[in-house]
């Protein structure tokens, strides 16, 4: 008869035989999500339509700290139309939590944008929900909030 202890040992043995441990698997996913967040930051700085298309899930829900909501098409169109550009973006206090095929990331977003010739300083909190699609992490939901 298998009890919890024996089941846990059997699971860890099977993972070890496959070259994985739960901590290593989570660490690899956390690193992959961190890489996706960095790629998203760079796409914002470069107004990179192709990068945004690859990083965002088709069902994207993108919420701004002002309360404005956008789907994938509208977000990418507005982020790349040149009306507003980011000149600096820094992310700090980042945390990433893996939850199955999803990841929850939180961080403080500090940046500077230029819109209609006016420079705007921004400091907001961000919540991102990433979902693993195949071997890639895609942004499923993003919400900015005032700090």
N, C-alpha and C. Protein backbone atom coordinates (compact mmCIF):
# COMPACT_ATOMS: atom_id res chain seq x y z
N UNK A 1 0.84 -1.18 0.00
CA UNK A 1 0.00 0.00 0.00
C UNK A 1 0.89 1.24 0.00
N UNK A 2 0.58 2.20 -0.88
CA UNK A 2 1.34 3.43 -0.96
C UNK A 2 0.72 4.49 -0.06
N UNK A 3 1.54 5.07 0.78
CA UNK A 3 1.08 6.21 1.55
C UNK A 3 1.67 7.47 0.91
N UNK A 4 1.38 8.62 1.45
CA UNK A 4 1.86 9.88 0.89
C UNK A 4 3.38 9.93 0.80
N UNK A 5 4.04 9.44 1.83
CA UNK A 5 5.51 9.48 1.86
C UNK A 5 6.09 8.66 0.71
N UNK A 6 5.57 7.44 0.52
CA UNK A 6 6.06 6.60 -0.56
C UNK A 6 5.75 7.20 -1.93
N UNK A 7 4.58 7.80 -2.07
CA UNK A 7 4.20 8.44 -3.32
C UNK A 7 5.13 9.62 -3.62
N UNK A 8 5.43 10.42 -2.61
CA UNK A 8 6.34 11.55 -2.79
C UNK A 8 7.73 11.08 -3.18
N UNK A 9 8.22 10.04 -2.53
CA UNK A 9 9.54 9.50 -2.86
C UNK A 9 9.55 8.96 -4.29
N UNK A 10 8.50 8.26 -4.68
CA UNK A 10 8.42 7.72 -6.04
C UNK A 10 8.39 8.85 -7.07
N UNK A 11 7.66 9.91 -6.80
CA UNK A 11 7.58 11.05 -7.71
C UNK A 11 8.94 11.73 -7.84
N UNK A 12 9.59 12.00 -6.71
CA UNK A 12 10.90 12.65 -6.74
C UNK A 12 11.93 11.76 -7.44
N UNK A 13 11.86 10.47 -7.23
CA UNK A 13 12.78 9.54 -7.90
C UNK A 13 12.56 9.59 -9.41
N UNK A 14 11.31 9.59 -9.85
CA UNK A 14 11.02 9.65 -11.28
C UNK A 14 11.50 10.97 -11.88
N UNK A 15 11.29 12.08 -11.18
CA UNK A 15 11.76 13.38 -11.67
C UNK A 15 13.28 13.41 -11.73
N UNK A 16 13.92 12.88 -10.71
CA UNK A 16 15.39 12.86 -10.68
C UNK A 16 15.92 12.01 -11.83
N UNK A 17 15.27 10.88 -12.10
CA UNK A 17 15.70 10.01 -13.20
C UNK A 17 15.57 10.73 -14.54
N UNK A 18 14.59 11.62 -14.63
CA UNK A 18 14.40 12.40 -15.86
C UNK A 18 15.29 13.63 -15.89
N UNK A 19 16.06 13.83 -14.83
CA UNK A 19 16.95 15.00 -14.77
C UNK A 19 16.27 16.26 -14.28
N UNK A 20 15.11 16.12 -13.68
CA UNK A 20 14.36 17.28 -13.19
C UNK A 20 14.09 17.16 -11.70
N UNK A 21 13.98 18.29 -11.06
CA UNK A 21 13.43 18.35 -9.72
C UNK A 21 12.39 19.44 -9.75
N UNK A 22 11.41 19.41 -8.87
CA UNK A 22 10.40 20.46 -8.89
C UNK A 22 11.00 21.86 -8.81
N UNK A 23 12.02 22.05 -8.00
CA UNK A 23 12.64 23.37 -7.86
C UNK A 23 13.33 23.80 -9.14
N UNK A 24 14.01 22.87 -9.81
CA UNK A 24 14.71 23.20 -11.05
C UNK A 24 13.69 23.53 -12.14
N UNK A 25 12.63 22.76 -12.24
CA UNK A 25 11.61 23.01 -13.25
C UNK A 25 11.00 24.39 -13.05
N UNK A 26 10.67 24.73 -11.81
CA UNK A 26 10.10 26.05 -11.53
C UNK A 26 11.10 27.14 -11.86
N UNK A 27 12.35 26.92 -11.53
CA UNK A 27 13.38 27.92 -11.79
C UNK A 27 13.53 28.17 -13.29
N UNK A 28 13.48 27.11 -14.09
CA UNK A 28 13.58 27.27 -15.54
C UNK A 28 12.39 28.06 -16.08
N UNK A 29 11.19 27.75 -15.62
CA UNK A 29 10.01 28.50 -16.05
C UNK A 29 10.06 29.94 -15.58
N UNK A 30 10.47 30.15 -14.33
CA UNK A 30 10.59 31.52 -13.83
C UNK A 30 11.58 32.32 -14.67
N UNK A 31 12.70 31.70 -15.02
CA UNK A 31 13.71 32.38 -15.85
C UNK A 31 13.14 32.68 -17.24
N UNK A 32 12.37 31.74 -17.80
CA UNK A 32 11.78 31.96 -19.11
C UNK A 32 10.75 33.09 -19.08
N UNK A 33 9.98 33.18 -18.01
CA UNK A 33 9.01 34.28 -17.87
C UNK A 33 9.75 35.60 -17.69
N UNK A 34 10.81 35.61 -16.89
CA UNK A 34 11.62 36.82 -16.72
C UNK A 34 12.18 37.27 -18.07
N UNK A 35 12.61 36.33 -18.89
CA UNK A 35 13.11 36.66 -20.23
C UNK A 35 12.00 37.26 -21.09
N UNK A 36 10.80 36.71 -20.99
CA UNK A 36 9.66 37.23 -21.76
C UNK A 36 9.30 38.65 -21.30
N UNK A 37 9.37 38.90 -20.00
CA UNK A 37 9.09 40.24 -19.48
C UNK A 37 10.13 41.23 -20.00
N UNK A 38 11.39 40.83 -20.02
CA UNK A 38 12.45 41.69 -20.54
C UNK A 38 12.25 41.94 -22.03
N UNK A 39 11.86 40.92 -22.78
CA UNK A 39 11.58 41.09 -24.21
C UNK A 39 10.41 42.05 -24.42
N UNK A 40 9.42 41.99 -23.54
CA UNK A 40 8.27 42.89 -23.61
C UNK A 40 8.71 44.33 -23.33
N UNK A 41 9.58 44.51 -22.33
CA UNK A 41 10.12 45.84 -22.01
C UNK A 41 10.85 46.42 -23.22
N UNK A 42 11.67 45.60 -23.85
CA UNK A 42 12.42 46.04 -25.04
C UNK A 42 11.48 46.35 -26.20
N UNK A 43 10.42 45.57 -26.35
CA UNK A 43 9.43 45.84 -27.40
C UNK A 43 8.75 47.18 -27.16
N UNK A 44 8.50 47.51 -25.89
CA UNK A 44 7.90 48.81 -25.57
C UNK A 44 8.85 49.94 -25.97
N UNK A 45 10.11 49.79 -25.62
CA UNK A 45 11.10 50.83 -25.95
C UNK A 45 11.27 50.99 -27.46
N UNK A 46 11.15 49.89 -28.19
CA UNK A 46 11.35 49.94 -29.64
C UNK A 46 10.07 50.02 -30.45
N UNK A 47 8.93 50.10 -29.78
CA UNK A 47 7.63 50.09 -30.47
C UNK A 47 7.61 48.98 -31.52
N UNK A 48 7.98 47.79 -31.10
CA UNK A 48 8.23 46.66 -32.00
C UNK A 48 6.98 45.80 -32.19
N UNK A 49 6.26 46.06 -33.25
CA UNK A 49 5.01 45.36 -33.56
C UNK A 49 5.21 43.85 -33.65
N UNK A 50 6.26 43.41 -34.32
CA UNK A 50 6.51 41.98 -34.50
C UNK A 50 6.76 41.29 -33.14
N UNK A 51 7.54 41.94 -32.28
CA UNK A 51 7.82 41.36 -30.96
C UNK A 51 6.54 41.29 -30.13
N UNK A 52 5.74 42.35 -30.15
CA UNK A 52 4.47 42.33 -29.40
C UNK A 52 3.57 41.20 -29.90
N UNK A 53 3.48 41.02 -31.21
CA UNK A 53 2.62 39.98 -31.77
C UNK A 53 3.06 38.60 -31.29
N UNK A 54 4.37 38.39 -31.18
CA UNK A 54 4.89 37.10 -30.72
C UNK A 54 4.73 36.90 -29.22
N UNK A 55 4.80 37.98 -28.45
CA UNK A 55 4.76 37.88 -26.99
C UNK A 55 3.35 37.85 -26.40
N UNK A 56 2.36 38.30 -27.16
CA UNK A 56 1.00 38.43 -26.62
C UNK A 56 0.10 37.29 -27.09
N UNK A 57 -0.66 36.75 -26.16
CA UNK A 57 -1.67 35.74 -26.49
C UNK A 57 -2.80 36.40 -27.28
N UNK A 58 -3.45 35.64 -28.12
CA UNK A 58 -4.56 36.19 -28.91
C UNK A 58 -5.68 36.73 -28.02
N UNK A 59 -5.88 36.12 -26.85
CA UNK A 59 -6.95 36.53 -25.94
C UNK A 59 -6.51 37.62 -24.96
N UNK A 60 -5.44 38.34 -25.28
CA UNK A 60 -4.88 39.35 -24.37
C UNK A 60 -5.94 40.33 -23.86
N UNK A 61 -5.88 40.58 -22.54
CA UNK A 61 -6.63 41.66 -21.90
C UNK A 61 -5.59 42.59 -21.28
N UNK A 62 -5.47 43.81 -21.82
CA UNK A 62 -4.43 44.74 -21.42
C UNK A 62 -5.08 45.93 -20.72
N UNK A 63 -4.86 46.02 -19.41
CA UNK A 63 -5.46 47.09 -18.63
C UNK A 63 -4.43 48.13 -18.23
N UNK A 64 -4.75 49.38 -18.47
CA UNK A 64 -3.90 50.50 -18.09
C UNK A 64 -4.25 50.99 -16.69
N UNK A 65 -3.34 51.70 -16.07
CA UNK A 65 -3.60 52.21 -14.72
C UNK A 65 -4.72 53.25 -14.72
N UNK A 66 -5.05 53.81 -15.88
CA UNK A 66 -6.15 54.77 -16.00
C UNK A 66 -7.51 54.07 -16.04
N UNK A 67 -7.49 52.74 -16.18
CA UNK A 67 -8.73 51.98 -16.28
C UNK A 67 -9.07 51.59 -17.71
N UNK A 68 -8.35 52.13 -18.68
CA UNK A 68 -8.59 51.81 -20.09
C UNK A 68 -8.21 50.35 -20.36
N UNK A 69 -9.08 49.62 -21.07
CA UNK A 69 -8.85 48.22 -21.40
C UNK A 69 -8.69 48.06 -22.91
N UNK A 70 -7.77 47.16 -23.31
CA UNK A 70 -7.53 46.92 -24.73
C UNK A 70 -7.39 45.43 -24.98
N UNK A 71 -7.75 45.02 -26.20
CA UNK A 71 -7.47 43.65 -26.63
C UNK A 71 -6.11 43.66 -27.34
N UNK A 72 -5.69 42.52 -27.85
CA UNK A 72 -4.37 42.41 -28.46
C UNK A 72 -4.20 43.37 -29.64
N UNK A 73 -5.17 43.39 -30.53
CA UNK A 73 -5.07 44.22 -31.73
C UNK A 73 -4.96 45.70 -31.39
N UNK A 74 -5.83 46.17 -30.52
CA UNK A 74 -5.83 47.60 -30.16
C UNK A 74 -4.56 47.95 -29.39
N UNK A 75 -4.15 47.08 -28.45
CA UNK A 75 -2.92 47.36 -27.71
C UNK A 75 -1.74 47.51 -28.65
N UNK A 76 -1.54 46.54 -29.55
CA UNK A 76 -0.38 46.59 -30.45
C UNK A 76 -0.46 47.81 -31.36
N UNK A 77 -1.65 48.09 -31.90
CA UNK A 77 -1.80 49.27 -32.77
C UNK A 77 -1.40 50.55 -32.04
N UNK A 78 -1.90 50.73 -30.82
CA UNK A 78 -1.60 51.96 -30.08
C UNK A 78 -0.15 52.00 -29.58
N UNK A 79 0.42 50.84 -29.26
CA UNK A 79 1.79 50.80 -28.76
C UNK A 79 2.82 51.04 -29.87
N UNK A 80 2.39 50.91 -31.12
CA UNK A 80 3.35 51.01 -32.23
C UNK A 80 3.03 52.11 -33.24
N UNK A 81 2.01 52.94 -32.97
CA UNK A 81 1.62 53.94 -33.96
C UNK A 81 2.49 55.20 -33.93
N UNK A 82 3.42 55.32 -32.98
CA UNK A 82 4.33 56.46 -32.95
C UNK A 82 3.79 57.70 -32.26
N UNK A 83 2.52 57.69 -31.84
CA UNK A 83 1.96 58.86 -31.16
C UNK A 83 2.56 59.07 -29.79
N UNK A 84 2.99 57.98 -29.16
CA UNK A 84 3.65 58.04 -27.86
C UNK A 84 4.80 57.04 -27.91
N UNK A 85 5.96 57.45 -27.40
CA UNK A 85 7.11 56.55 -27.40
C UNK A 85 7.73 56.52 -26.00
N UNK A 86 8.31 55.39 -25.66
CA UNK A 86 9.00 55.24 -24.39
C UNK A 86 10.48 55.53 -24.59
N UNK A 87 11.03 56.39 -23.75
CA UNK A 87 12.46 56.69 -23.82
C UNK A 87 13.25 55.98 -22.74
N UNK A 88 12.57 55.57 -21.68
CA UNK A 88 13.23 54.83 -20.59
C UNK A 88 12.18 54.00 -19.86
N UNK A 89 12.57 52.77 -19.51
CA UNK A 89 11.71 51.88 -18.72
C UNK A 89 12.59 51.07 -17.79
N UNK A 90 12.27 51.12 -16.50
CA UNK A 90 12.97 50.31 -15.51
C UNK A 90 11.93 49.50 -14.75
N UNK A 91 12.23 48.23 -14.56
CA UNK A 91 11.36 47.35 -13.78
C UNK A 91 12.09 46.99 -12.49
N UNK A 92 11.39 47.07 -11.36
CA UNK A 92 12.02 46.75 -10.08
C UNK A 92 11.07 45.94 -9.21
N UNK A 93 11.63 45.34 -8.17
CA UNK A 93 10.84 44.56 -7.21
C UNK A 93 10.02 43.47 -7.89
N UNK A 94 10.61 42.82 -8.88
CA UNK A 94 9.89 41.81 -9.65
C UNK A 94 9.76 40.49 -8.90
N UNK A 95 8.55 39.94 -8.94
CA UNK A 95 8.31 38.59 -8.43
C UNK A 95 7.61 37.80 -9.52
N UNK A 96 7.92 36.51 -9.57
CA UNK A 96 7.28 35.61 -10.54
C UNK A 96 6.87 34.35 -9.79
N UNK A 97 5.62 33.97 -9.98
CA UNK A 97 5.09 32.76 -9.35
C UNK A 97 4.50 31.88 -10.44
N UNK A 98 5.00 30.67 -10.56
CA UNK A 98 4.48 29.72 -11.54
C UNK A 98 3.28 29.00 -10.95
N UNK A 99 2.21 28.91 -11.74
CA UNK A 99 0.99 28.21 -11.32
C UNK A 99 0.54 27.32 -12.48
N UNK A 100 1.13 26.13 -12.54
CA UNK A 100 0.82 25.22 -13.64
C UNK A 100 1.35 25.78 -14.95
N UNK A 101 0.47 25.95 -15.93
CA UNK A 101 0.86 26.49 -17.23
C UNK A 101 0.72 28.00 -17.28
N UNK A 102 0.59 28.62 -16.11
CA UNK A 102 0.47 30.07 -16.02
C UNK A 102 1.53 30.62 -15.08
N UNK A 103 1.78 31.90 -15.21
CA UNK A 103 2.73 32.58 -14.33
C UNK A 103 2.17 33.94 -13.97
N UNK A 104 2.35 34.31 -12.72
CA UNK A 104 1.91 35.61 -12.22
C UNK A 104 3.16 36.42 -11.93
N UNK A 105 3.28 37.56 -12.58
CA UNK A 105 4.43 38.44 -12.36
C UNK A 105 3.94 39.79 -11.86
N UNK A 106 4.66 40.32 -10.88
CA UNK A 106 4.37 41.65 -10.35
C UNK A 106 5.66 42.43 -10.30
N UNK A 107 5.58 43.72 -10.57
CA UNK A 107 6.76 44.57 -10.47
C UNK A 107 6.34 46.03 -10.48
N UNK A 108 7.29 46.89 -10.13
CA UNK A 108 7.10 48.33 -10.23
C UNK A 108 7.69 48.77 -11.56
N UNK A 109 6.92 49.52 -12.30
CA UNK A 109 7.30 50.02 -13.63
C UNK A 109 7.57 51.52 -13.49
N UNK A 110 8.79 51.91 -13.78
CA UNK A 110 9.15 53.32 -13.77
C UNK A 110 9.65 53.66 -15.17
N UNK A 111 9.14 54.72 -15.74
CA UNK A 111 9.56 55.04 -17.09
C UNK A 111 9.29 56.48 -17.46
N UNK A 112 9.69 56.78 -18.68
CA UNK A 112 9.50 58.12 -19.23
C UNK A 112 9.03 57.95 -20.67
N UNK A 113 7.93 58.61 -20.99
CA UNK A 113 7.41 58.56 -22.35
C UNK A 113 7.31 59.97 -22.91
N UNK A 114 7.23 60.04 -24.22
CA UNK A 114 7.04 61.31 -24.91
C UNK A 114 5.79 61.18 -25.75
N UNK A 115 4.85 62.09 -25.53
CA UNK A 115 3.60 62.11 -26.27
C UNK A 115 3.28 63.55 -26.64
N UNK A 116 3.07 63.80 -27.92
CA UNK A 116 2.78 65.14 -28.42
C UNK A 116 3.83 66.15 -27.96
N UNK A 117 5.09 65.72 -27.96
CA UNK A 117 6.20 66.59 -27.59
C UNK A 117 6.38 66.81 -26.10
N UNK A 118 5.52 66.22 -25.30
CA UNK A 118 5.59 66.38 -23.85
C UNK A 118 6.15 65.12 -23.21
N UNK A 119 7.11 65.31 -22.29
CA UNK A 119 7.70 64.19 -21.56
C UNK A 119 6.86 63.89 -20.33
N UNK A 120 6.57 62.62 -20.13
CA UNK A 120 5.75 62.18 -19.00
C UNK A 120 6.50 61.14 -18.18
N UNK A 121 6.60 61.37 -16.88
CA UNK A 121 7.19 60.40 -15.97
C UNK A 121 6.09 59.47 -15.46
N UNK A 122 6.39 58.18 -15.42
CA UNK A 122 5.41 57.18 -15.01
C UNK A 122 6.01 56.29 -13.93
N UNK A 123 5.25 56.06 -12.87
CA UNK A 123 5.61 55.06 -11.87
C UNK A 123 4.32 54.38 -11.44
N UNK A 124 4.19 53.11 -11.84
CA UNK A 124 2.98 52.35 -11.56
C UNK A 124 3.36 50.93 -11.16
N UNK A 125 2.41 50.24 -10.57
CA UNK A 125 2.56 48.81 -10.33
C UNK A 125 1.99 48.06 -11.51
N UNK A 126 2.55 46.88 -11.76
CA UNK A 126 2.08 46.05 -12.87
C UNK A 126 1.83 44.63 -12.37
N UNK A 127 0.74 44.06 -12.82
CA UNK A 127 0.43 42.64 -12.65
C UNK A 127 0.33 42.07 -14.06
N UNK A 128 1.13 41.04 -14.34
CA UNK A 128 1.06 40.35 -15.63
C UNK A 128 0.73 38.89 -15.38
N UNK A 129 -0.12 38.33 -16.22
CA UNK A 129 -0.40 36.90 -16.19
C UNK A 129 0.07 36.35 -17.54
N UNK A 130 1.01 35.43 -17.46
CA UNK A 130 1.58 34.79 -18.65
C UNK A 130 1.06 33.36 -18.72
N UNK A 131 0.87 32.86 -19.92
CA UNK A 131 0.42 31.49 -20.12
C UNK A 131 1.39 30.79 -21.07
N UNK A 132 1.68 29.55 -20.76
CA UNK A 132 2.61 28.79 -21.59
C UNK A 132 1.84 28.16 -22.75
N UNK A 133 2.22 28.53 -23.96
CA UNK A 133 1.61 27.99 -25.16
C UNK A 133 2.71 27.28 -25.94
N UNK A 134 2.68 25.97 -25.94
CA UNK A 134 3.79 25.20 -26.51
C UNK A 134 5.00 25.41 -25.62
N UNK A 135 6.08 25.87 -26.20
CA UNK A 135 7.29 26.13 -25.41
C UNK A 135 7.48 27.62 -25.13
N UNK A 136 6.50 28.45 -25.50
CA UNK A 136 6.63 29.90 -25.35
C UNK A 136 5.66 30.44 -24.30
N UNK A 137 6.12 31.43 -23.56
CA UNK A 137 5.28 32.14 -22.61
C UNK A 137 4.67 33.34 -23.33
N UNK A 138 3.35 33.48 -23.26
CA UNK A 138 2.62 34.57 -23.91
C UNK A 138 1.86 35.37 -22.84
N UNK A 139 1.83 36.68 -23.03
CA UNK A 139 1.11 37.55 -22.11
C UNK A 139 -0.39 37.39 -22.33
N UNK A 140 -1.09 36.95 -21.29
CA UNK A 140 -2.52 36.74 -21.35
C UNK A 140 -3.28 37.94 -20.78
N UNK A 141 -2.76 38.50 -19.70
CA UNK A 141 -3.42 39.63 -19.06
C UNK A 141 -2.39 40.54 -18.42
N UNK A 142 -2.66 41.82 -18.46
CA UNK A 142 -1.78 42.81 -17.84
C UNK A 142 -2.66 43.88 -17.23
N UNK A 143 -2.35 44.28 -15.99
CA UNK A 143 -3.08 45.36 -15.35
C UNK A 143 -2.11 46.29 -14.68
N UNK A 144 -2.17 47.54 -15.04
CA UNK A 144 -1.39 48.58 -14.37
C UNK A 144 -2.23 49.17 -13.25
N UNK A 145 -1.56 49.60 -12.20
CA UNK A 145 -2.30 50.21 -11.09
C UNK A 145 -1.42 51.29 -10.45
N UNK A 146 -2.07 52.27 -9.87
CA UNK A 146 -1.37 53.39 -9.25
C UNK A 146 -0.73 52.96 -7.94
N UNK A 147 0.48 53.43 -7.71
CA UNK A 147 1.17 53.14 -6.45
C UNK A 147 1.39 54.42 -5.67
